[in-house]
mmCIF file of all heavy atoms, coordinates in Angstrom:
data_MODEL
# 
_entry.id   MODEL 
# 
loop_
_atom_site.group_PDB 
_atom_site.id 
_atom_site.type_symbol 
_atom_site.label_atom_id 
_atom_site.label_alt_id 
_atom_site.label_comp_id 
_atom_site.label_asym_id 
_atom_site.label_entity_id 
_atom_site.label_seq_id 
_atom_site.pdbx_PDB_ins_code 
_atom_site.Cartn_x 
_atom_site.Cartn_y 
_atom_site.Cartn_z 
_atom_site.occupancy 
_atom_site.B_iso_or_equiv 
_atom_site.pdbx_formal_charge 
_atom_site.auth_seq_id 
_atom_site.auth_comp_id 
_atom_site.auth_asym_id 
_atom_site.auth_atom_id 
_atom_site.pdbx_PDB_model_num 
ATOM 1   N N   . ARG A 1 1  ? -1.350  7.472   16.875  1.00 0.00 ? 1  ARG A N   1 
ATOM 2   C CA  . ARG A 1 1  ? -1.317  8.576   17.828  1.00 0.00 ? 1  ARG A CA  1 
ATOM 3   C C   . ARG A 1 1  ? -0.614  8.113   19.103  1.00 0.00 ? 1  ARG A C   1 
ATOM 4   O O   . ARG A 1 1  ? -0.955  7.091   19.674  1.00 0.00 ? 1  ARG A O   1 
ATOM 5   C CB  . ARG A 1 1  ? -2.735  9.040   18.173  1.00 0.00 ? 1  ARG A CB  1 
ATOM 6   C CG  . ARG A 1 1  ? -3.511  9.600   16.973  1.00 0.00 ? 1  ARG A CG  1 
ATOM 7   C CD  . ARG A 1 1  ? -4.902  10.025  17.389  1.00 0.00 ? 1  ARG A CD  1 
ATOM 8   N NE  . ARG A 1 1  ? -5.669  10.524  16.245  1.00 0.00 ? 1  ARG A NE  1 
ATOM 9   C CZ  . ARG A 1 1  ? -6.940  10.928  16.327  1.00 0.00 ? 1  ARG A CZ  1 
ATOM 10  N NH1 . ARG A 1 1  ? -7.555  10.884  17.490  1.00 0.00 ? 1  ARG A NH1 1 
ATOM 11  N NH2 . ARG A 1 1  ? -7.554  11.361  15.257  1.00 0.00 ? 1  ARG A NH2 1 
ATOM 12  N N   . SER A 1 2  ? 0.330   8.873   19.532  1.00 0.00 ? 2  SER A N   1 
ATOM 13  C CA  . SER A 1 2  ? 1.053   8.521   20.751  1.00 0.00 ? 2  SER A CA  1 
ATOM 14  C C   . SER A 1 2  ? 1.470   9.798   21.474  1.00 0.00 ? 2  SER A C   1 
ATOM 15  O O   . SER A 1 2  ? 1.673   10.844  20.849  1.00 0.00 ? 2  SER A O   1 
ATOM 16  C CB  . SER A 1 2  ? 2.290   7.663   20.425  1.00 0.00 ? 2  SER A CB  1 
ATOM 17  O OG  . SER A 1 2  ? 3.170   8.402   19.608  1.00 0.00 ? 2  SER A OG  1 
ATOM 18  N N   . ASP A 1 3  ? 1.581   9.723   22.770  1.00 0.00 ? 3  ASP A N   1 
ATOM 19  C CA  . ASP A 1 3  ? 2.003   10.853  23.601  1.00 0.00 ? 3  ASP A CA  1 
ATOM 20  C C   . ASP A 1 3  ? 3.452   10.604  24.018  1.00 0.00 ? 3  ASP A C   1 
ATOM 21  O O   . ASP A 1 3  ? 3.745   9.676   24.772  1.00 0.00 ? 3  ASP A O   1 
ATOM 22  C CB  . ASP A 1 3  ? 1.104   10.969  24.825  1.00 0.00 ? 3  ASP A CB  1 
ATOM 23  C CG  . ASP A 1 3  ? 1.401   12.234  25.619  1.00 0.00 ? 3  ASP A CG  1 
ATOM 24  O OD1 . ASP A 1 3  ? 2.354   12.943  25.248  1.00 0.00 ? 3  ASP A OD1 1 
ATOM 25  O OD2 . ASP A 1 3  ? 0.664   12.496  26.583  1.00 0.00 ? 3  ASP A OD2 1 
ATOM 26  N N   . ALA A 1 4  ? 4.369   11.433  23.508  1.00 0.00 ? 4  ALA A N   1 
ATOM 27  C CA  . ALA A 1 4  ? 5.786   11.221  23.764  1.00 0.00 ? 4  ALA A CA  1 
ATOM 28  C C   . ALA A 1 4  ? 6.123   11.343  25.236  1.00 0.00 ? 4  ALA A C   1 
ATOM 29  O O   . ALA A 1 4  ? 7.090   10.761  25.727  1.00 0.00 ? 4  ALA A O   1 
ATOM 30  C CB  . ALA A 1 4  ? 6.617   12.227  22.953  1.00 0.00 ? 4  ALA A CB  1 
ATOM 31  N N   . SER A 1 5  ? 5.330   12.139  25.997  1.00 0.00 ? 5  SER A N   1 
ATOM 32  C CA  . SER A 1 5  ? 5.614   12.335  27.417  1.00 0.00 ? 5  SER A CA  1 
ATOM 33  C C   . SER A 1 5  ? 5.020   11.245  28.277  1.00 0.00 ? 5  SER A C   1 
ATOM 34  O O   . SER A 1 5  ? 5.189   11.234  29.482  1.00 0.00 ? 5  SER A O   1 
ATOM 35  C CB  . SER A 1 5  ? 5.074   13.701  27.878  1.00 0.00 ? 5  SER A CB  1 
ATOM 36  O OG  . SER A 1 5  ? 3.661   13.734  27.703  1.00 0.00 ? 5  SER A OG  1 
ATOM 37  N N   . SER A 1 6  ? 4.321   10.341  27.649  1.00 0.00 ? 6  SER A N   1 
ATOM 38  C CA  . SER A 1 6  ? 3.647   9.285   28.408  1.00 0.00 ? 6  SER A CA  1 
ATOM 39  C C   . SER A 1 6  ? 4.294   7.948   28.094  1.00 0.00 ? 6  SER A C   1 
ATOM 40  O O   . SER A 1 6  ? 4.866   7.735   27.025  1.00 0.00 ? 6  SER A O   1 
ATOM 41  C CB  . SER A 1 6  ? 2.157   9.248   28.046  1.00 0.00 ? 6  SER A CB  1 
ATOM 42  O OG  . SER A 1 6  ? 1.538   8.136   28.656  1.00 0.00 ? 6  SER A OG  1 
ATOM 43  N N   . ASN A 1 7  ? 4.217   7.072   29.059  1.00 0.00 ? 7  ASN A N   1 
ATOM 44  C CA  . ASN A 1 7  ? 4.751   5.718   28.869  1.00 0.00 ? 7  ASN A CA  1 
ATOM 45  C C   . ASN A 1 7  ? 3.714   4.752   28.315  1.00 0.00 ? 7  ASN A C   1 
ATOM 46  O O   . ASN A 1 7  ? 3.967   3.554   28.220  1.00 0.00 ? 7  ASN A O   1 
ATOM 47  C CB  . ASN A 1 7  ? 5.277   5.178   30.205  1.00 0.00 ? 7  ASN A CB  1 
ATOM 48  C CG  . ASN A 1 7  ? 6.489   5.958   30.688  1.00 0.00 ? 7  ASN A CG  1 
ATOM 49  O OD1 . ASN A 1 7  ? 7.284   6.445   29.870  1.00 0.00 ? 7  ASN A OD1 1 
ATOM 50  N ND2 . ASN A 1 7  ? 6.628   6.068   32.007  1.00 0.00 ? 7  ASN A ND2 1 
ATOM 51  N N   . GLU A 1 8  ? 2.558   5.300   27.986  1.00 0.00 ? 8  GLU A N   1 
ATOM 52  C CA  . GLU A 1 8  ? 1.517   4.432   27.472  1.00 0.00 ? 8  GLU A CA  1 
ATOM 53  C C   . GLU A 1 8  ? 1.863   3.958   26.058  1.00 0.00 ? 8  GLU A C   1 
ATOM 54  O O   . GLU A 1 8  ? 2.607   4.604   25.329  1.00 0.00 ? 8  GLU A O   1 
ATOM 55  C CB  . GLU A 1 8  ? 0.175   5.174   27.439  1.00 0.00 ? 8  GLU A CB  1 
ATOM 56  C CG  . GLU A 1 8  ? -0.315  5.582   28.832  1.00 0.00 ? 8  GLU A CG  1 
ATOM 57  C CD  . GLU A 1 8  ? -1.639  6.314   28.732  1.00 0.00 ? 8  GLU A CD  1 
ATOM 58  O OE1 . GLU A 1 8  ? -2.118  6.487   27.572  1.00 0.00 ? 8  GLU A OE1 1 
ATOM 59  O OE2 . GLU A 1 8  ? -2.185  6.691   29.767  1.00 0.00 ? 8  GLU A OE2 1 
ATOM 60  N N   . LYS A 1 9  ? 1.271   2.836   25.699  1.00 0.00 ? 9  LYS A N   1 
ATOM 61  C CA  . LYS A 1 9  ? 1.492   2.303   24.357  1.00 0.00 ? 9  LYS A CA  1 
ATOM 62  C C   . LYS A 1 9  ? 0.820   3.201   23.324  1.00 0.00 ? 9  LYS A C   1 
ATOM 63  O O   . LYS A 1 9  ? -0.179  3.845   23.603  1.00 0.00 ? 9  LYS A O   1 
ATOM 64  C CB  . LYS A 1 9  ? 0.920   0.879   24.251  1.00 0.00 ? 9  LYS A CB  1 
ATOM 65  C CG  . LYS A 1 9  ? 1.644   -0.132  25.114  1.00 0.00 ? 9  LYS A CG  1 
ATOM 66  C CD  . LYS A 1 9  ? 1.047   -1.523  24.907  1.00 0.00 ? 9  LYS A CD  1 
ATOM 67  C CE  . LYS A 1 9  ? 1.785   -2.549  25.745  1.00 0.00 ? 9  LYS A CE  1 
ATOM 68  N NZ  . LYS A 1 9  ? 1.213   -3.914  25.554  1.00 0.00 ? 9  LYS A NZ  1 
ATOM 69  N N   . PRO A 1 10 ? 1.375   3.270   22.104  1.00 0.00 ? 10 PRO A N   1 
ATOM 70  C CA  . PRO A 1 10 ? 0.758   4.088   21.062  1.00 0.00 ? 10 PRO A CA  1 
ATOM 71  C C   . PRO A 1 10 ? -0.652  3.598   20.764  1.00 0.00 ? 10 PRO A C   1 
ATOM 72  O O   . PRO A 1 10 ? -0.964  2.414   20.849  1.00 0.00 ? 10 PRO A O   1 
ATOM 73  C CB  . PRO A 1 10 ? 1.684   3.882   19.853  1.00 0.00 ? 10 PRO A CB  1 
ATOM 74  C CG  . PRO A 1 10 ? 2.962   3.402   20.425  1.00 0.00 ? 10 PRO A CG  1 
ATOM 75  C CD  . PRO A 1 10 ? 2.609   2.630   21.661  1.00 0.00 ? 10 PRO A CD  1 
ATOM 76  N N   . ARG A 1 11 ? -1.520  4.558   20.442  1.00 0.00 ? 11 ARG A N   1 
ATOM 77  C CA  . ARG A 1 11 ? -2.886  4.234   20.094  1.00 0.00 ? 11 ARG A CA  1 
ATOM 78  C C   . ARG A 1 11 ? -3.034  4.269   18.572  1.00 0.00 ? 11 ARG A C   1 
ATOM 79  O O   . ARG A 1 11 ? -2.569  5.196   17.921  1.00 0.00 ? 11 ARG A O   1 
ATOM 80  C CB  . ARG A 1 11 ? -3.861  5.219   20.727  1.00 0.00 ? 11 ARG A CB  1 
ATOM 81  C CG  . ARG A 1 11 ? -3.926  5.119   22.251  1.00 0.00 ? 11 ARG A CG  1 
ATOM 82  C CD  . ARG A 1 11 ? -4.921  6.116   22.796  1.00 0.00 ? 11 ARG A CD  1 
ATOM 83  N NE  . ARG A 1 11 ? -4.515  7.490   22.461  1.00 0.00 ? 11 ARG A NE  1 
ATOM 84  C CZ  . ARG A 1 11 ? -5.346  8.526   22.535  1.00 0.00 ? 11 ARG A CZ  1 
ATOM 85  N NH1 . ARG A 1 11 ? -6.594  8.344   22.893  1.00 0.00 ? 11 ARG A NH1 1 
ATOM 86  N NH2 . ARG A 1 11 ? -4.910  9.726   22.234  1.00 0.00 ? 11 ARG A NH2 1 
ATOM 87  N N   . PHE A 1 12 ? -3.698  3.270   18.033  1.00 0.00 ? 12 PHE A N   1 
ATOM 88  C CA  . PHE A 1 12 ? -3.871  3.161   16.592  1.00 0.00 ? 12 PHE A CA  1 
ATOM 89  C C   . PHE A 1 12 ? -5.330  3.474   16.255  1.00 0.00 ? 12 PHE A C   1 
ATOM 90  O O   . PHE A 1 12 ? -6.253  2.860   16.796  1.00 0.00 ? 12 PHE A O   1 
ATOM 91  C CB  . PHE A 1 12 ? -3.524  1.742   16.106  1.00 0.00 ? 12 PHE A CB  1 
ATOM 92  C CG  . PHE A 1 12 ? -2.074  1.391   16.318  1.00 0.00 ? 12 PHE A CG  1 
ATOM 93  C CD1 . PHE A 1 12 ? -1.639  0.836   17.524  1.00 0.00 ? 12 PHE A CD1 1 
ATOM 94  C CD2 . PHE A 1 12 ? -1.147  1.631   15.323  1.00 0.00 ? 12 PHE A CD2 1 
ATOM 95  C CE1 . PHE A 1 12 ? -0.311  0.516   17.710  1.00 0.00 ? 12 PHE A CE1 1 
ATOM 96  C CE2 . PHE A 1 12 ? 0.187   1.300   15.509  1.00 0.00 ? 12 PHE A CE2 1 
ATOM 97  C CZ  . PHE A 1 12 ? 0.601   0.748   16.707  1.00 0.00 ? 12 PHE A CZ  1 
ATOM 98  N N   . ASP A 1 13 ? -5.525  4.422   15.417  1.00 0.00 ? 13 ASP A N   1 
ATOM 99  C CA  . ASP A 1 13 ? -6.856  4.773   14.948  1.00 0.00 ? 13 ASP A CA  1 
ATOM 100 C C   . ASP A 1 13 ? -6.913  4.577   13.432  1.00 0.00 ? 13 ASP A C   1 
ATOM 101 O O   . ASP A 1 13 ? -5.908  4.713   12.733  1.00 0.00 ? 13 ASP A O   1 
ATOM 102 C CB  . ASP A 1 13 ? -7.197  6.228   15.279  1.00 0.00 ? 13 ASP A CB  1 
ATOM 103 C CG  . ASP A 1 13 ? -7.323  6.430   16.788  1.00 0.00 ? 13 ASP A CG  1 
ATOM 104 O OD1 . ASP A 1 13 ? -7.650  5.438   17.464  1.00 0.00 ? 13 ASP A OD1 1 
ATOM 105 O OD2 . ASP A 1 13 ? -7.089  7.554   17.240  1.00 0.00 ? 13 ASP A OD2 1 
ATOM 106 N N   . ILE A 1 14 ? -8.086  4.276   12.928  1.00 0.00 ? 14 ILE A N   1 
ATOM 107 C CA  . ILE A 1 14 ? -8.288  4.089   11.499  1.00 0.00 ? 14 ILE A CA  1 
ATOM 108 C C   . ILE A 1 14 ? -9.113  5.249   10.976  1.00 0.00 ? 14 ILE A C   1 
ATOM 109 O O   . ILE A 1 14 ? -10.167 5.570   11.515  1.00 0.00 ? 14 ILE A O   1 
ATOM 110 C CB  . ILE A 1 14 ? -9.000  2.750   11.202  1.00 0.00 ? 14 ILE A CB  1 
ATOM 111 C CG1 . ILE A 1 14 ? -8.163  1.581   11.732  1.00 0.00 ? 14 ILE A CG1 1 
ATOM 112 C CG2 . ILE A 1 14 ? -9.270  2.587   9.719   1.00 0.00 ? 14 ILE A CG2 1 
ATOM 113 C CD1 . ILE A 1 14 ? -8.831  0.249   11.549  1.00 0.00 ? 14 ILE A CD1 1 
ATOM 114 N N   . ALA A 1 15 ? -8.624  5.876   9.937   1.00 0.00 ? 15 ALA A N   1 
ATOM 115 C CA  . ALA A 1 15 ? -9.343  6.997   9.369   1.00 0.00 ? 15 ALA A CA  1 
ATOM 116 C C   . ALA A 1 15 ? -10.704 6.554   8.849   1.00 0.00 ? 15 ALA A C   1 
ATOM 117 O O   . ALA A 1 15 ? -10.862 5.438   8.360   1.00 0.00 ? 15 ALA A O   1 
ATOM 118 C CB  . ALA A 1 15 ? -8.530  7.621   8.244   1.00 0.00 ? 15 ALA A CB  1 
ATOM 119 N N   . ARG A 1 16 ? -11.667 7.411   8.949   1.00 0.00 ? 16 ARG A N   1 
ATOM 120 C CA  . ARG A 1 16 ? -13.011 7.053   8.549   1.00 0.00 ? 16 ARG A CA  1 
ATOM 121 C C   . ARG A 1 16 ? -13.175 7.044   7.029   1.00 0.00 ? 16 ARG A C   1 
ATOM 122 O O   . ARG A 1 16 ? -14.043 6.352   6.509   1.00 0.00 ? 16 ARG A O   1 
ATOM 123 C CB  . ARG A 1 16 ? -14.003 8.023   9.171   1.00 0.00 ? 16 ARG A CB  1 
ATOM 124 C CG  . ARG A 1 16 ? -14.068 7.926   10.686  1.00 0.00 ? 16 ARG A CG  1 
ATOM 125 C CD  . ARG A 1 16 ? -15.089 8.885   11.241  1.00 0.00 ? 16 ARG A CD  1 
ATOM 126 N NE  . ARG A 1 16 ? -15.173 8.786   12.699  1.00 0.00 ? 16 ARG A NE  1 
ATOM 127 C CZ  . ARG A 1 16 ? -15.981 9.532   13.437  1.00 0.00 ? 16 ARG A CZ  1 
ATOM 128 N NH1 . ARG A 1 16 ? -16.744 10.448  12.865  1.00 0.00 ? 16 ARG A NH1 1 
ATOM 129 N NH2 . ARG A 1 16 ? -16.006 9.377   14.745  1.00 0.00 ? 16 ARG A NH2 1 
ATOM 130 N N   . ASP A 1 17 ? -12.405 7.848   6.327   1.00 0.00 ? 17 ASP A N   1 
ATOM 131 C CA  . ASP A 1 17 ? -12.574 7.917   4.880   1.00 0.00 ? 17 ASP A CA  1 
ATOM 132 C C   . ASP A 1 17 ? -12.059 6.630   4.230   1.00 0.00 ? 17 ASP A C   1 
ATOM 133 O O   . ASP A 1 17 ? -10.970 6.164   4.523   1.00 0.00 ? 17 ASP A O   1 
ATOM 134 C CB  . ASP A 1 17 ? -11.846 9.126   4.311   1.00 0.00 ? 17 ASP A CB  1 
ATOM 135 C CG  . ASP A 1 17 ? -10.364 9.100   4.633   1.00 0.00 ? 17 ASP A CG  1 
ATOM 136 O OD1 . ASP A 1 17 ? -10.043 8.768   5.793   1.00 0.00 ? 17 ASP A OD1 1 
ATOM 137 O OD2 . ASP A 1 17 ? -9.555  9.394   3.736   1.00 0.00 ? 17 ASP A OD2 1 
ATOM 138 N N   . ILE A 1 18 ? -12.874 6.077   3.374   1.00 0.00 ? 18 ILE A N   1 
ATOM 139 C CA  . ILE A 1 18 ? -12.562 4.831   2.676   1.00 0.00 ? 18 ILE A CA  1 
ATOM 140 C C   . ILE A 1 18 ? -12.530 5.123   1.182   1.00 0.00 ? 18 ILE A C   1 
ATOM 141 O O   . ILE A 1 18 ? -13.489 5.656   0.626   1.00 0.00 ? 18 ILE A O   1 
ATOM 142 C CB  . ILE A 1 18 ? -13.589 3.727   2.981   1.00 0.00 ? 18 ILE A CB  1 
ATOM 143 C CG1 . ILE A 1 18 ? -13.621 3.430   4.484   1.00 0.00 ? 18 ILE A CG1 1 
ATOM 144 C CG2 . ILE A 1 18 ? -13.274 2.468   2.180   1.00 0.00 ? 18 ILE A CG2 1 
ATOM 145 C CD1 . ILE A 1 18 ? -14.674 2.418   4.863   1.00 0.00 ? 18 ILE A CD1 1 
ATOM 146 N N   . LYS A 1 19 ? -11.414 4.801   0.568   1.00 0.00 ? 19 LYS A N   1 
ATOM 147 C CA  . LYS A 1 19 ? -11.279 4.968   -0.870  1.00 0.00 ? 19 LYS A CA  1 
ATOM 148 C C   . LYS A 1 19 ? -11.448 3.616   -1.543  1.00 0.00 ? 19 LYS A C   1 
ATOM 149 O O   . LYS A 1 19 ? -10.740 2.664   -1.236  1.00 0.00 ? 19 LYS A O   1 
ATOM 150 C CB  . LYS A 1 19 ? -9.922  5.567   -1.213  1.00 0.00 ? 19 LYS A CB  1 
ATOM 151 C CG  . LYS A 1 19 ? -9.723  6.984   -0.687  1.00 0.00 ? 19 LYS A CG  1 
ATOM 152 C CD  . LYS A 1 19 ? -8.373  7.519   -1.097  1.00 0.00 ? 19 LYS A CD  1 
ATOM 153 C CE  . LYS A 1 19 ? -8.178  8.941   -0.570  1.00 0.00 ? 19 LYS A CE  1 
ATOM 154 N NZ  . LYS A 1 19 ? -6.852  9.491   -0.960  1.00 0.00 ? 19 LYS A NZ  1 
ATOM 155 N N   . SER A 1 20 ? -12.397 3.576   -2.445  1.00 0.00 ? 20 SER A N   1 
ATOM 156 C CA  . SER A 1 20 ? -12.697 2.323   -3.135  1.00 0.00 ? 20 SER A CA  1 
ATOM 157 C C   . SER A 1 20 ? -12.416 2.483   -4.623  1.00 0.00 ? 20 SER A C   1 
ATOM 158 O O   . SER A 1 20 ? -12.847 3.455   -5.247  1.00 0.00 ? 20 SER A O   1 
ATOM 159 C CB  . SER A 1 20 ? -14.160 1.926   -2.931  1.00 0.00 ? 20 SER A CB  1 
ATOM 160 O OG  . SER A 1 20 ? -14.449 0.717   -3.588  1.00 0.00 ? 20 SER A OG  1 
ATOM 161 N N   . THR A 1 21 ? -11.680 1.540   -5.176  1.00 0.00 ? 21 THR A N   1 
ATOM 162 C CA  . THR A 1 21 ? -11.373 1.531   -6.603  1.00 0.00 ? 21 THR A CA  1 
ATOM 163 C C   . THR A 1 21 ? -11.674 0.158   -7.184  1.00 0.00 ? 21 THR A C   1 
ATOM 164 O O   . THR A 1 21 ? -11.599 -0.858  -6.482  1.00 0.00 ? 21 THR A O   1 
ATOM 165 C CB  . THR A 1 21 ? -9.895  1.879   -6.864  1.00 0.00 ? 21 THR A CB  1 
ATOM 166 O OG1 . THR A 1 21 ? -9.066  0.920   -6.185  1.00 0.00 ? 21 THR A OG1 1 
ATOM 167 C CG2 . THR A 1 21 ? -9.567  3.279   -6.368  1.00 0.00 ? 21 THR A CG2 1 
ATOM 168 N N   . VAL A 1 22 ? -12.017 0.145   -8.455  1.00 0.00 ? 22 VAL A N   1 
ATOM 169 C CA  . VAL A 1 22 ? -12.275 -1.107  -9.170  1.00 0.00 ? 22 VAL A CA  1 
ATOM 170 C C   . VAL A 1 22 ? -11.258 -1.236  -10.293 1.00 0.00 ? 22 VAL A C   1 
ATOM 171 O O   . VAL A 1 22 ? -11.126 -0.330  -11.123 1.00 0.00 ? 22 VAL A O   1 
ATOM 172 C CB  . VAL A 1 22 ? -13.706 -1.152  -9.738  1.00 0.00 ? 22 VAL A CB  1 
ATOM 173 C CG1 . VAL A 1 22 ? -13.918 -2.434  -10.541 1.00 0.00 ? 22 VAL A CG1 1 
ATOM 174 C CG2 . VAL A 1 22 ? -14.726 -1.051  -8.606  1.00 0.00 ? 22 VAL A CG2 1 
ATOM 175 N N   . SER A 1 23 ? -10.532 -2.339  -10.298 1.00 0.00 ? 23 SER A N   1 
ATOM 176 C CA  . SER A 1 23 ? -9.478  -2.549  -11.284 1.00 0.00 ? 23 SER A CA  1 
ATOM 177 C C   . SER A 1 23 ? -9.655  -3.912  -11.947 1.00 0.00 ? 23 SER A C   1 
ATOM 178 O O   . SER A 1 23 ? -10.150 -4.862  -11.323 1.00 0.00 ? 23 SER A O   1 
ATOM 179 C CB  . SER A 1 23 ? -8.092  -2.484  -10.625 1.00 0.00 ? 23 SER A CB  1 
ATOM 180 O OG  . SER A 1 23 ? -7.912  -1.250  -9.962  1.00 0.00 ? 23 SER A OG  1 
ATOM 181 N N   . PRO A 1 24 ? -9.252  -4.039  -13.215 1.00 0.00 ? 24 PRO A N   1 
ATOM 182 C CA  . PRO A 1 24 ? -9.308  -5.347  -13.878 1.00 0.00 ? 24 PRO A CA  1 
ATOM 183 C C   . PRO A 1 24 ? -8.176  -6.247  -13.396 1.00 0.00 ? 24 PRO A C   1 
ATOM 184 O O   . PRO A 1 24 ? -7.136  -5.776  -12.937 1.00 0.00 ? 24 PRO A O   1 
ATOM 185 C CB  . PRO A 1 24 ? -9.152  -4.990  -15.358 1.00 0.00 ? 24 PRO A CB  1 
ATOM 186 C CG  . PRO A 1 24 ? -8.372  -3.724  -15.365 1.00 0.00 ? 24 PRO A CG  1 
ATOM 187 C CD  . PRO A 1 24 ? -8.783  -2.979  -14.125 1.00 0.00 ? 24 PRO A CD  1 
ATOM 188 N N   . PHE A 1 25 ? -8.365  -7.544  -13.507 1.00 0.00 ? 25 PHE A N   1 
ATOM 189 C CA  . PHE A 1 25 ? -7.307  -8.498  -13.175 1.00 0.00 ? 25 PHE A CA  1 
ATOM 190 C C   . PHE A 1 25 ? -7.341  -9.651  -14.169 1.00 0.00 ? 25 PHE A C   1 
ATOM 191 O O   . PHE A 1 25 ? -8.383  -9.970  -14.740 1.00 0.00 ? 25 PHE A O   1 
ATOM 192 C CB  . PHE A 1 25 ? -7.460  -9.025  -11.740 1.00 0.00 ? 25 PHE A CB  1 
ATOM 193 C CG  . PHE A 1 25 ? -8.646  -9.941  -11.530 1.00 0.00 ? 25 PHE A CG  1 
ATOM 194 C CD1 . PHE A 1 25 ? -8.554  -11.309 -11.779 1.00 0.00 ? 25 PHE A CD1 1 
ATOM 195 C CD2 . PHE A 1 25 ? -9.858  -9.442  -11.071 1.00 0.00 ? 25 PHE A CD2 1 
ATOM 196 C CE1 . PHE A 1 25 ? -9.642  -12.156 -11.587 1.00 0.00 ? 25 PHE A CE1 1 
ATOM 197 C CE2 . PHE A 1 25 ? -10.952 -10.274 -10.876 1.00 0.00 ? 25 PHE A CE2 1 
ATOM 198 C CZ  . PHE A 1 25 ? -10.844 -11.639 -11.136 1.00 0.00 ? 25 PHE A CZ  1 
ATOM 199 N N   . LEU A 1 26 ? -6.169  -10.254 -14.375 1.00 0.00 ? 26 LEU A N   1 
ATOM 200 C CA  . LEU A 1 26 ? -6.066  -11.448 -15.203 1.00 0.00 ? 26 LEU A CA  1 
ATOM 201 C C   . LEU A 1 26 ? -5.827  -12.696 -14.375 1.00 0.00 ? 26 LEU A C   1 
ATOM 202 O O   . LEU A 1 26 ? -6.054  -13.803 -14.858 1.00 0.00 ? 26 LEU A O   1 
ATOM 203 C CB  . LEU A 1 26 ? -4.943  -11.290 -16.239 1.00 0.00 ? 26 LEU A CB  1 
ATOM 204 C CG  . LEU A 1 26 ? -5.210  -10.286 -17.361 1.00 0.00 ? 26 LEU A CG  1 
ATOM 205 C CD1 . LEU A 1 26 ? -4.008  -10.183 -18.296 1.00 0.00 ? 26 LEU A CD1 1 
ATOM 206 C CD2 . LEU A 1 26 ? -6.449  -10.665 -18.161 1.00 0.00 ? 26 LEU A CD2 1 
ATOM 207 N N   . PHE A 1 27 ? -5.320  -12.532 -13.146 1.00 0.00 ? 27 PHE A N   1 
ATOM 208 C CA  . PHE A 1 27 ? -5.251  -13.666 -12.222 1.00 0.00 ? 27 PHE A CA  1 
ATOM 209 C C   . PHE A 1 27 ? -5.251  -13.137 -10.795 1.00 0.00 ? 27 PHE A C   1 
ATOM 210 O O   . PHE A 1 27 ? -4.902  -11.981 -10.538 1.00 0.00 ? 27 PHE A O   1 
ATOM 211 C CB  . PHE A 1 27 ? -4.042  -14.577 -12.488 1.00 0.00 ? 27 PHE A CB  1 
ATOM 212 C CG  . PHE A 1 27 ? -2.717  -13.875 -12.528 1.00 0.00 ? 27 PHE A CG  1 
ATOM 213 C CD1 . PHE A 1 27 ? -2.030  -13.571 -11.366 1.00 0.00 ? 27 PHE A CD1 1 
ATOM 214 C CD2 . PHE A 1 27 ? -2.129  -13.540 -13.740 1.00 0.00 ? 27 PHE A CD2 1 
ATOM 215 C CE1 . PHE A 1 27 ? -0.800  -12.946 -11.402 1.00 0.00 ? 27 PHE A CE1 1 
ATOM 216 C CE2 . PHE A 1 27 ? -0.903  -12.926 -13.789 1.00 0.00 ? 27 PHE A CE2 1 
ATOM 217 C CZ  . PHE A 1 27 ? -0.232  -12.616 -12.619 1.00 0.00 ? 27 PHE A CZ  1 
ATOM 218 N N   . LEU A 1 28 ? -5.683  -13.995 -9.877  1.00 0.00 ? 28 LEU A N   1 
ATOM 219 C CA  . LEU A 1 28 ? -5.762  -13.651 -8.468  1.00 0.00 ? 28 LEU A CA  1 
ATOM 220 C C   . LEU A 1 28 ? -4.560  -14.240 -7.739  1.00 0.00 ? 28 LEU A C   1 
ATOM 221 O O   . LEU A 1 28 ? -4.277  -15.437 -7.859  1.00 0.00 ? 28 LEU A O   1 
ATOM 222 C CB  . LEU A 1 28 ? -7.057  -14.195 -7.854  1.00 0.00 ? 28 LEU A CB  1 
ATOM 223 C CG  . LEU A 1 28 ? -8.375  -13.655 -8.434  1.00 0.00 ? 28 LEU A CG  1 
ATOM 224 C CD1 . LEU A 1 28 ? -9.555  -14.395 -7.820  1.00 0.00 ? 28 LEU A CD1 1 
ATOM 225 C CD2 . LEU A 1 28 ? -8.502  -12.153 -8.188  1.00 0.00 ? 28 LEU A CD2 1 
# 
């Protein structure tokens, strides 16, 4: 989020929704 009319640095927000998935693996 940033205000184009402002000289302030952009603000970074993290969305609250978290998507979790489980996947198989053969190596890390």
